[in-house]
C-alpha cells in the first residue's frame, strides 16, 4: 500500500477518485435526460448526483462503497485530510460538478452556507437510507428501486424547504 499510494489517506483519495470517475458516464446520461425532458427540477438534479452511488447496490447488491463513503463523511472529511472530488475543482469530474452547479442555481434562494449544509445532509440521508435498508430483514424491506425513488423525494423536499422558519 505504501509503495503504491504513500499512506492510507492517499489510498482513500485514490478510491474516491476512481469510483467517482466510474460514475461520470452515468451522471452524463442523467444530465442529458434532464436536458431532454426540460425537467431540470431538484429531484432530477439530485438523481444525477446520487443515483450512481445507488446503482452499485441496486444492480450488484454491493454496499461496500456506500459504507466506505459514509465512514469517510463521518470520520475523515471533517478532519479535512482527504477531500471528496465534489469538494474541489477538477476537470476529471465535469458531470459531478455540473450537476451540483445546476442544483446550486436551481436553489439560488439559499445562501451558500445553507446550500452546502443541505447538500452534505442529503448525502448523509441518502447513504444512511441504503445502509438501514440493507440491514433490515427481507420481509421488512420495500422494493429496492422504490427505496431510491422515496429517498430522492424526501431529499428534494428537504432541499426545497424554506431556509428560514415561517413566522406567523
N, C-alpha and C. Protein backbone atom coordinates (compact mmCIF):
# COMPACT_ATOMS: atom_id res chain seq x y z
N UNK A 1 0.82 -1.18 0.00
CA UNK A 1 0.00 0.00 0.00
C UNK A 1 0.88 1.26 0.00
N UNK A 2 1.88 1.28 0.86
CA UNK A 2 2.73 2.47 0.96
C UNK A 2 3.48 2.71 -0.34
N UNK A 3 3.91 1.64 -0.99
CA UNK A 3 4.64 1.77 -2.24
C UNK A 3 3.78 2.42 -3.31
N UNK A 4 2.52 1.96 -3.44
CA UNK A 4 1.63 2.45 -4.49
C UNK A 4 0.92 3.76 -4.15
N UNK A 5 0.57 3.94 -2.88
CA UNK A 5 -0.27 5.08 -2.52
C UNK A 5 0.36 6.02 -1.49
N UNK A 6 1.42 5.64 -0.84
CA UNK A 6 2.06 6.50 0.14
C UNK A 6 1.55 6.28 1.54
N UNK A 7 0.24 6.46 1.75
CA UNK A 7 -0.36 6.23 3.07
C UNK A 7 -1.85 5.95 2.89
N UNK A 8 -2.54 5.70 3.99
CA UNK A 8 -3.96 5.33 3.86
C UNK A 8 -4.83 6.49 3.40
N UNK A 9 -4.44 7.74 3.70
CA UNK A 9 -5.20 8.88 3.20
C UNK A 9 -5.11 8.97 1.67
N UNK A 10 -3.91 8.73 1.14
CA UNK A 10 -3.75 8.76 -0.32
C UNK A 10 -4.47 7.58 -0.98
N UNK A 11 -4.53 6.44 -0.29
CA UNK A 11 -5.29 5.30 -0.79
C UNK A 11 -6.78 5.66 -0.85
N UNK A 12 -7.28 6.25 0.22
CA UNK A 12 -8.69 6.65 0.24
C UNK A 12 -8.97 7.66 -0.86
N UNK A 13 -8.08 8.63 -1.05
CA UNK A 13 -8.24 9.62 -2.11
C UNK A 13 -8.31 8.93 -3.47
N UNK A 14 -7.44 7.94 -3.69
CA UNK A 14 -7.43 7.21 -4.96
C UNK A 14 -8.73 6.43 -5.16
N UNK A 15 -9.26 5.84 -4.08
CA UNK A 15 -10.53 5.10 -4.19
C UNK A 15 -11.67 6.05 -4.53
N UNK A 16 -11.74 7.18 -3.84
CA UNK A 16 -12.80 8.15 -4.13
C UNK A 16 -12.73 8.64 -5.57
N UNK A 17 -11.55 8.97 -6.02
CA UNK A 17 -11.40 9.47 -7.39
C UNK A 17 -11.71 8.38 -8.42
N UNK A 18 -11.29 7.15 -8.15
CA UNK A 18 -11.57 6.04 -9.05
C UNK A 18 -13.07 5.80 -9.17
N UNK A 19 -13.74 5.70 -8.03
CA UNK A 19 -15.18 5.44 -8.04
C UNK A 19 -15.95 6.58 -8.70
N UNK A 20 -15.57 7.82 -8.38
CA UNK A 20 -16.25 8.96 -8.99
C UNK A 20 -16.05 8.96 -10.50
N UNK A 21 -14.86 8.61 -10.95
CA UNK A 21 -14.62 8.58 -12.40
C UNK A 21 -15.48 7.50 -13.06
N UNK A 22 -15.71 6.39 -12.36
CA UNK A 22 -16.59 5.34 -12.89
C UNK A 22 -18.04 5.84 -13.03
N UNK A 23 -18.43 6.77 -12.20
CA UNK A 23 -19.82 7.25 -12.18
C UNK A 23 -20.07 8.39 -13.17
N UNK A 24 -19.03 8.94 -13.75
CA UNK A 24 -19.19 10.11 -14.63
C UNK A 24 -20.07 9.80 -15.85
N UNK A 25 -19.93 8.63 -16.45
CA UNK A 25 -20.74 8.30 -17.63
C UNK A 25 -22.22 8.24 -17.26
N UNK A 26 -22.52 7.69 -16.11
CA UNK A 26 -23.89 7.62 -15.63
C UNK A 26 -24.44 9.02 -15.36
N UNK A 27 -23.62 9.87 -14.75
CA UNK A 27 -24.06 11.26 -14.49
C UNK A 27 -24.28 12.01 -15.80
N UNK A 28 -23.43 11.78 -16.78
CA UNK A 28 -23.59 12.43 -18.08
C UNK A 28 -24.95 12.05 -18.67
N UNK A 29 -25.27 10.77 -18.64
CA UNK A 29 -26.55 10.28 -19.17
C UNK A 29 -27.72 10.89 -18.40
N UNK A 30 -27.62 10.94 -17.08
CA UNK A 30 -28.70 11.50 -16.27
C UNK A 30 -28.88 13.00 -16.53
N UNK A 31 -27.79 13.72 -16.71
CA UNK A 31 -27.89 15.15 -17.03
C UNK A 31 -28.47 15.37 -18.42
N UNK A 32 -28.15 14.48 -19.36
CA UNK A 32 -28.74 14.57 -20.70
C UNK A 32 -30.25 14.34 -20.63
N UNK A 33 -30.67 13.41 -19.78
CA UNK A 33 -32.10 13.17 -19.59
C UNK A 33 -32.78 14.41 -19.03
N UNK A 34 -32.10 15.11 -18.13
CA UNK A 34 -32.64 16.35 -17.57
C UNK A 34 -32.84 17.36 -18.70
N UNK A 35 -31.84 17.50 -19.56
CA UNK A 35 -31.93 18.46 -20.67
C UNK A 35 -33.01 18.06 -21.66
N UNK A 36 -33.09 16.78 -21.99
CA UNK A 36 -34.05 16.32 -22.99
C UNK A 36 -35.49 16.44 -22.51
N UNK A 37 -35.70 16.36 -21.21
CA UNK A 37 -37.07 16.41 -20.69
C UNK A 37 -37.45 17.78 -20.17
N UNK A 38 -36.50 18.71 -20.16
CA UNK A 38 -36.73 20.02 -19.56
C UNK A 38 -37.19 19.89 -18.11
N UNK A 39 -36.81 18.81 -17.46
CA UNK A 39 -37.25 18.55 -16.10
C UNK A 39 -36.25 19.08 -15.08
N UNK A 40 -35.42 20.02 -15.40
CA UNK A 40 -34.35 20.48 -14.53
C UNK A 40 -34.79 20.76 -13.11
N UNK A 41 -35.63 19.91 -12.56
CA UNK A 41 -36.09 20.11 -11.20
C UNK A 41 -35.08 19.57 -10.20
N UNK A 42 -35.32 19.87 -8.96
CA UNK A 42 -34.41 19.48 -7.89
C UNK A 42 -34.27 17.96 -7.82
N UNK A 43 -35.37 17.24 -7.96
CA UNK A 43 -35.33 15.78 -7.89
C UNK A 43 -34.42 15.21 -8.98
N UNK A 44 -34.56 15.69 -10.20
CA UNK A 44 -33.76 15.18 -11.32
C UNK A 44 -32.28 15.48 -11.11
N UNK A 45 -31.97 16.64 -10.56
CA UNK A 45 -30.57 17.00 -10.32
C UNK A 45 -29.98 16.20 -9.17
N UNK A 46 -30.77 15.98 -8.11
CA UNK A 46 -30.30 15.11 -7.02
C UNK A 46 -30.08 13.69 -7.54
N UNK A 47 -30.95 13.24 -8.44
CA UNK A 47 -30.78 11.92 -9.05
C UNK A 47 -29.44 11.84 -9.78
N UNK A 48 -29.12 12.89 -10.54
CA UNK A 48 -27.85 12.88 -11.29
C UNK A 48 -26.65 12.82 -10.34
N UNK A 49 -26.76 13.43 -9.19
CA UNK A 49 -25.66 13.40 -8.23
C UNK A 49 -25.59 12.06 -7.51
N UNK A 50 -26.73 11.55 -7.03
CA UNK A 50 -26.70 10.42 -6.10
C UNK A 50 -27.05 9.05 -6.68
N UNK A 51 -27.83 8.99 -7.75
CA UNK A 51 -28.21 7.67 -8.26
C UNK A 51 -27.01 6.79 -8.63
N UNK A 52 -25.94 7.35 -9.19
CA UNK A 52 -24.81 6.47 -9.50
C UNK A 52 -24.26 5.70 -8.29
N UNK A 53 -24.33 6.28 -7.10
CA UNK A 53 -23.92 5.54 -5.90
C UNK A 53 -24.86 4.37 -5.65
N UNK A 54 -26.14 4.63 -5.81
CA UNK A 54 -27.14 3.59 -5.56
C UNK A 54 -27.02 2.43 -6.54
N UNK A 55 -26.59 2.72 -7.77
CA UNK A 55 -26.51 1.69 -8.81
C UNK A 55 -25.62 0.52 -8.39
N UNK A 56 -24.58 0.78 -7.64
CA UNK A 56 -23.71 -0.32 -7.19
C UNK A 56 -24.51 -1.32 -6.37
N UNK A 57 -25.40 -0.80 -5.54
CA UNK A 57 -26.24 -1.67 -4.73
C UNK A 57 -27.42 -2.21 -5.54
N UNK A 58 -28.11 -1.34 -6.26
CA UNK A 58 -29.30 -1.76 -6.99
C UNK A 58 -28.99 -2.81 -8.04
N UNK A 59 -27.89 -2.63 -8.74
CA UNK A 59 -27.56 -3.53 -9.84
C UNK A 59 -26.70 -4.72 -9.43
N UNK A 60 -25.92 -4.57 -8.35
CA UNK A 60 -24.97 -5.62 -8.00
C UNK A 60 -25.05 -6.08 -6.54
N UNK A 61 -25.90 -5.44 -5.75
CA UNK A 61 -26.01 -5.80 -4.34
C UNK A 61 -24.80 -5.41 -3.51
N UNK A 62 -23.96 -4.53 -4.04
CA UNK A 62 -22.71 -4.15 -3.38
C UNK A 62 -22.90 -2.89 -2.53
N UNK A 63 -22.78 -3.04 -1.22
CA UNK A 63 -22.90 -1.91 -0.30
C UNK A 63 -21.53 -1.38 0.12
N UNK A 64 -20.47 -1.98 -0.36
CA UNK A 64 -19.12 -1.61 0.10
C UNK A 64 -18.79 -0.14 -0.05
N UNK A 65 -19.03 0.43 -1.23
CA UNK A 65 -18.65 1.83 -1.43
C UNK A 65 -19.56 2.76 -0.65
N UNK A 66 -20.85 2.44 -0.55
CA UNK A 66 -21.75 3.27 0.23
C UNK A 66 -21.31 3.29 1.69
N UNK A 67 -20.92 2.15 2.22
CA UNK A 67 -20.43 2.11 3.60
C UNK A 67 -19.11 2.86 3.74
N UNK A 68 -18.24 2.73 2.75
CA UNK A 68 -16.96 3.45 2.79
C UNK A 68 -17.18 4.96 2.77
N UNK A 69 -18.03 5.42 1.87
CA UNK A 69 -18.23 6.86 1.77
C UNK A 69 -18.93 7.41 3.01
N UNK A 70 -19.80 6.61 3.62
CA UNK A 70 -20.44 7.04 4.87
C UNK A 70 -19.40 7.18 5.97
N UNK A 71 -18.52 6.22 6.08
CA UNK A 71 -17.45 6.30 7.07
C UNK A 71 -16.54 7.50 6.79
N UNK A 72 -16.23 7.70 5.52
CA UNK A 72 -15.42 8.86 5.12
C UNK A 72 -16.09 10.16 5.56
N UNK A 73 -17.38 10.31 5.25
CA UNK A 73 -18.09 11.55 5.57
C UNK A 73 -18.16 11.79 7.08
N UNK A 74 -18.28 10.72 7.84
CA UNK A 74 -18.42 10.86 9.29
C UNK A 74 -17.10 11.02 10.03
N UNK A 75 -16.03 10.44 9.50
CA UNK A 75 -14.78 10.39 10.27
C UNK A 75 -13.59 11.09 9.62
N UNK A 76 -13.49 11.07 8.31
CA UNK A 76 -12.30 11.58 7.63
C UNK A 76 -12.51 13.01 7.12
N UNK A 77 -13.60 13.20 6.42
CA UNK A 77 -13.85 14.53 5.82
C UNK A 77 -13.86 15.66 6.85
N UNK A 78 -14.46 15.47 8.02
CA UNK A 78 -14.46 16.57 9.00
C UNK A 78 -13.05 17.01 9.42
N UNK A 79 -12.09 16.13 9.30
CA UNK A 79 -10.70 16.50 9.66
C UNK A 79 -9.98 17.17 8.49
N UNK A 80 -10.58 17.14 7.30
CA UNK A 80 -10.02 17.82 6.15
C UNK A 80 -8.77 17.18 5.57
N UNK A 81 -8.51 15.94 5.94
CA UNK A 81 -7.30 15.28 5.44
C UNK A 81 -7.45 14.78 4.01
N UNK A 82 -8.66 14.38 3.65
CA UNK A 82 -8.93 13.85 2.32
C UNK A 82 -10.19 14.54 1.83
N UNK A 83 -10.12 15.13 0.65
CA UNK A 83 -11.28 15.79 0.08
C UNK A 83 -11.96 14.88 -0.93
N UNK A 84 -13.28 14.94 -0.94
CA UNK A 84 -14.06 14.24 -1.95
C UNK A 84 -13.96 15.05 -3.24
N UNK A 85 -13.99 14.40 -4.40
CA UNK A 85 -13.93 15.15 -5.66
C UNK A 85 -14.99 16.25 -5.80
N UNK A 86 -16.09 16.15 -5.11
CA UNK A 86 -17.10 17.22 -5.14
C UNK A 86 -16.60 18.48 -4.45
N UNK A 87 -15.57 18.34 -3.62
CA UNK A 87 -15.08 19.46 -2.81
C UNK A 87 -13.98 20.28 -3.47
N UNK A 88 -13.54 19.87 -4.64
CA UNK A 88 -12.50 20.65 -5.31
C UNK A 88 -12.73 20.62 -6.82
N UNK A 89 -12.31 21.67 -7.46
CA UNK A 89 -12.48 21.76 -8.91
C UNK A 89 -11.46 20.86 -9.60
N UNK A 90 -11.96 19.97 -10.41
CA UNK A 90 -11.09 19.06 -11.14
C UNK A 90 -11.79 18.70 -12.45
N UNK A 91 -11.10 18.86 -13.54
CA UNK A 91 -11.69 18.58 -14.85
C UNK A 91 -12.01 17.10 -15.05
N UNK A 92 -11.54 16.25 -14.15
CA UNK A 92 -11.79 14.82 -14.28
C UNK A 92 -13.24 14.45 -13.94
N UNK A 93 -13.96 15.37 -13.28
CA UNK A 93 -15.32 15.06 -12.82
C UNK A 93 -16.31 16.14 -13.28
N UNK A 94 -16.38 16.40 -14.59
CA UNK A 94 -17.20 17.52 -15.06
C UNK A 94 -18.69 17.34 -14.79
N UNK A 95 -19.20 16.12 -14.84
CA UNK A 95 -20.64 15.92 -14.69
C UNK A 95 -21.06 15.97 -13.23
N UNK A 96 -20.21 15.53 -12.34
CA UNK A 96 -20.47 15.70 -10.91
C UNK A 96 -20.58 17.19 -10.58
N UNK A 97 -19.60 17.96 -11.04
CA UNK A 97 -19.59 19.39 -10.76
C UNK A 97 -20.73 20.12 -11.47
N UNK A 98 -21.06 19.69 -12.69
CA UNK A 98 -22.17 20.32 -13.42
C UNK A 98 -23.48 20.08 -12.70
N UNK A 99 -23.71 18.87 -12.22
CA UNK A 99 -24.95 18.56 -11.52
C UNK A 99 -25.07 19.40 -10.24
N UNK A 100 -23.98 19.51 -9.51
CA UNK A 100 -24.01 20.32 -8.28
C UNK A 100 -24.24 21.79 -8.61
N UNK A 101 -23.57 22.28 -9.65
CA UNK A 101 -23.74 23.68 -10.04
C UNK A 101 -25.18 23.96 -10.48
N UNK A 102 -25.74 23.06 -11.27
CA UNK A 102 -27.13 23.26 -11.70
C UNK A 102 -28.08 23.25 -10.51
N UNK A 103 -27.81 22.37 -9.55
CA UNK A 103 -28.63 22.33 -8.35
C UNK A 103 -28.48 23.63 -7.56
N UNK A 104 -27.25 24.14 -7.49
CA UNK A 104 -27.00 25.40 -6.79
C UNK A 104 -27.77 26.55 -7.44
N UNK A 105 -27.78 26.59 -8.77
CA UNK A 105 -28.51 27.63 -9.49
C UNK A 105 -30.02 27.48 -9.24
N UNK A 106 -30.48 26.24 -9.29
CA UNK A 106 -31.91 25.98 -9.08
C UNK A 106 -32.34 26.42 -7.68
N UNK A 107 -31.45 26.31 -6.72
CA UNK A 107 -31.76 26.67 -5.34
C UNK A 107 -31.06 27.97 -4.94
N UNK A 108 -31.04 28.92 -5.86
CA UNK A 108 -30.33 30.17 -5.62
C UNK A 108 -30.93 30.97 -4.46
N UNK A 109 -32.13 30.65 -4.03
CA UNK A 109 -32.74 31.33 -2.89
C UNK A 109 -32.01 31.01 -1.58
N UNK A 110 -31.24 29.91 -1.58
CA UNK A 110 -30.47 29.54 -0.39
C UNK A 110 -29.11 30.22 -0.42
N UNK A 111 -28.64 30.69 0.72
CA UNK A 111 -27.28 31.23 0.73
C UNK A 111 -26.29 30.06 0.65
N UNK A 112 -25.04 30.37 0.39
CA UNK A 112 -24.04 29.33 0.15
C UNK A 112 -23.87 28.39 1.34
N UNK A 113 -23.88 28.94 2.54
CA UNK A 113 -23.71 28.12 3.74
C UNK A 113 -24.88 27.15 3.89
N UNK A 114 -26.08 27.66 3.71
CA UNK A 114 -27.27 26.81 3.83
C UNK A 114 -27.27 25.73 2.75
N UNK A 115 -26.95 26.11 1.51
CA UNK A 115 -26.91 25.12 0.43
C UNK A 115 -25.91 24.01 0.75
N UNK A 116 -24.71 24.38 1.17
CA UNK A 116 -23.69 23.38 1.45
C UNK A 116 -24.11 22.47 2.60
N UNK A 117 -24.71 23.05 3.63
CA UNK A 117 -25.19 22.22 4.75
C UNK A 117 -26.25 21.24 4.28
N UNK A 118 -27.14 21.71 3.44
CA UNK A 118 -28.21 20.83 2.97
C UNK A 118 -27.68 19.73 2.06
N UNK A 119 -26.79 20.06 1.14
CA UNK A 119 -26.30 19.02 0.23
C UNK A 119 -25.48 17.98 1.01
N UNK A 120 -24.72 18.43 2.01
CA UNK A 120 -24.00 17.48 2.87
C UNK A 120 -24.97 16.60 3.64
N UNK A 121 -26.02 17.21 4.19
CA UNK A 121 -27.02 16.45 4.94
C UNK A 121 -27.77 15.46 4.05
N UNK A 122 -28.02 15.87 2.80
CA UNK A 122 -28.72 14.97 1.88
C UNK A 122 -27.85 13.77 1.53
N UNK A 123 -26.54 13.99 1.42
CA UNK A 123 -25.65 12.85 1.20
C UNK A 123 -25.73 11.87 2.36
N UNK A 124 -25.68 12.39 3.57
CA UNK A 124 -25.77 11.52 4.75
C UNK A 124 -27.11 10.79 4.78
N UNK A 125 -28.18 11.49 4.42
CA UNK A 125 -29.51 10.87 4.38
C UNK A 125 -29.55 9.75 3.34
N UNK A 126 -29.02 10.04 2.17
CA UNK A 126 -29.05 9.08 1.08
C UNK A 126 -28.29 7.80 1.45
N UNK A 127 -27.05 7.95 1.86
CA UNK A 127 -26.25 6.77 2.19
C UNK A 127 -26.84 6.04 3.39
N UNK A 128 -27.31 6.79 4.38
CA UNK A 128 -27.92 6.18 5.55
C UNK A 128 -29.14 5.36 5.21
N UNK A 129 -29.96 5.86 4.28
CA UNK A 129 -31.16 5.11 3.88
C UNK A 129 -30.79 3.75 3.31
N UNK A 130 -29.75 3.71 2.50
CA UNK A 130 -29.34 2.43 1.90
C UNK A 130 -28.70 1.50 2.92
N UNK A 131 -27.95 2.05 3.84
CA UNK A 131 -27.35 1.22 4.88
C UNK A 131 -28.44 0.63 5.78
N UNK A 132 -29.41 1.46 6.18
CA UNK A 132 -30.51 0.96 7.00
C UNK A 132 -31.30 -0.11 6.25
N UNK A 133 -31.55 0.12 4.99
CA UNK A 133 -32.28 -0.84 4.16
C UNK A 133 -31.55 -2.18 4.13
N UNK A 134 -30.25 -2.13 3.90
CA UNK A 134 -29.50 -3.39 3.76
C UNK A 134 -29.41 -4.16 5.07
N UNK A 135 -29.62 -3.49 6.19
CA UNK A 135 -29.53 -4.18 7.48
C UNK A 135 -30.86 -4.77 7.93
N UNK A 136 -31.94 -4.47 7.23
CA UNK A 136 -33.26 -4.99 7.59
C UNK A 136 -33.47 -6.39 7.02
N UNK A 137 -34.31 -7.14 7.72
CA UNK A 137 -34.71 -8.46 7.21
C UNK A 137 -35.51 -8.25 5.92
N UNK A 138 -35.39 -9.19 5.02
CA UNK A 138 -36.02 -9.07 3.70
C UNK A 138 -37.52 -8.76 3.78
N UNK A 139 -38.21 -9.38 4.72
CA UNK A 139 -39.67 -9.16 4.82
C UNK A 139 -40.02 -7.75 5.31
N UNK A 140 -39.04 -7.02 5.82
CA UNK A 140 -39.28 -5.65 6.30
C UNK A 140 -38.73 -4.59 5.35
N UNK A 141 -38.50 -4.97 4.11
CA UNK A 141 -37.94 -4.04 3.13
C UNK A 141 -38.96 -3.70 2.05
N UNK A 142 -38.91 -2.43 1.60
CA UNK A 142 -39.66 -2.06 0.40
C UNK A 142 -38.82 -2.52 -0.80
N UNK A 143 -39.38 -2.42 -1.96
CA UNK A 143 -38.63 -2.72 -3.18
C UNK A 143 -37.42 -1.79 -3.24
N UNK A 144 -36.26 -2.31 -3.59
CA UNK A 144 -35.03 -1.51 -3.56
C UNK A 144 -35.07 -0.33 -4.54
N UNK A 145 -35.79 -0.46 -5.63
CA UNK A 145 -35.90 0.65 -6.57
C UNK A 145 -36.85 1.73 -6.02
N UNK A 146 -37.87 1.30 -5.28
CA UNK A 146 -38.75 2.27 -4.63
C UNK A 146 -37.99 2.99 -3.52
N UNK A 147 -37.05 2.31 -2.88
CA UNK A 147 -36.20 2.97 -1.88
C UNK A 147 -35.48 4.16 -2.51
N UNK A 148 -34.92 3.97 -3.69
CA UNK A 148 -34.24 5.06 -4.38
C UNK A 148 -35.20 6.21 -4.64
N UNK A 149 -36.37 5.92 -5.19
CA UNK A 149 -37.33 6.97 -5.52
C UNK A 149 -37.83 7.69 -4.27
N UNK A 150 -38.15 6.94 -3.23
CA UNK A 150 -38.65 7.54 -1.99
C UNK A 150 -37.59 8.42 -1.34
N UNK A 151 -36.36 7.95 -1.35
CA UNK A 151 -35.27 8.73 -0.75
C UNK A 151 -35.04 10.01 -1.54
N UNK A 152 -35.06 9.94 -2.87
CA UNK A 152 -34.90 11.14 -3.68
C UNK A 152 -36.04 12.14 -3.44
N UNK A 153 -37.27 11.63 -3.27
CA UNK A 153 -38.39 12.54 -2.98
C UNK A 153 -38.19 13.25 -1.64
N UNK A 154 -37.76 12.51 -0.63
CA UNK A 154 -37.50 13.13 0.68
C UNK A 154 -36.39 14.17 0.59
N UNK A 155 -35.33 13.83 -0.13
CA UNK A 155 -34.22 14.75 -0.29
C UNK A 155 -34.66 16.03 -1.01
N UNK A 156 -35.46 15.88 -2.05
CA UNK A 156 -35.95 17.03 -2.80
C UNK A 156 -36.77 17.95 -1.90
N UNK A 157 -37.65 17.37 -1.11
CA UNK A 157 -38.48 18.17 -0.21
C UNK A 157 -37.60 18.93 0.79
N UNK A 158 -36.59 18.27 1.31
CA UNK A 158 -35.70 18.92 2.28
C UNK A 158 -34.89 20.03 1.62
N UNK A 159 -34.38 19.78 0.43
CA UNK A 159 -33.57 20.80 -0.26
C UNK A 159 -34.41 22.03 -0.59
N UNK A 160 -35.68 21.83 -0.93
CA UNK A 160 -36.53 22.93 -1.37
C UNK A 160 -37.27 23.63 -0.24
N UNK A 161 -37.16 23.14 0.97
CA UNK A 161 -37.89 23.77 2.07
C UNK A 161 -37.33 25.18 2.32
N UNK A 162 -38.16 26.06 2.85
CA UNK A 162 -37.70 27.44 3.10
C UNK A 162 -36.48 27.44 4.02
N UNK A 163 -35.59 28.40 3.79
CA UNK A 163 -34.37 28.44 4.58
C UNK A 163 -34.57 29.12 5.92
N UNK A 164 -35.64 29.84 6.08
CA UNK A 164 -35.94 30.50 7.35
C UNK A 164 -37.30 30.01 7.84
N UNK A 165 -37.46 29.82 9.14
CA UNK A 165 -38.77 29.40 9.64
C UNK A 165 -39.83 30.46 9.29
N UNK A 166 -41.00 29.98 8.95
CA UNK A 166 -42.10 30.88 8.65
C UNK A 166 -42.65 31.41 9.97
N UNK A 167 -42.67 32.73 10.10
CA UNK A 167 -43.18 33.36 11.33
C UNK A 167 -44.60 33.82 11.07
N UNK A 168 -45.50 33.40 11.94
CA UNK A 168 -46.91 33.80 11.73
C UNK A 168 -47.31 34.95 12.61
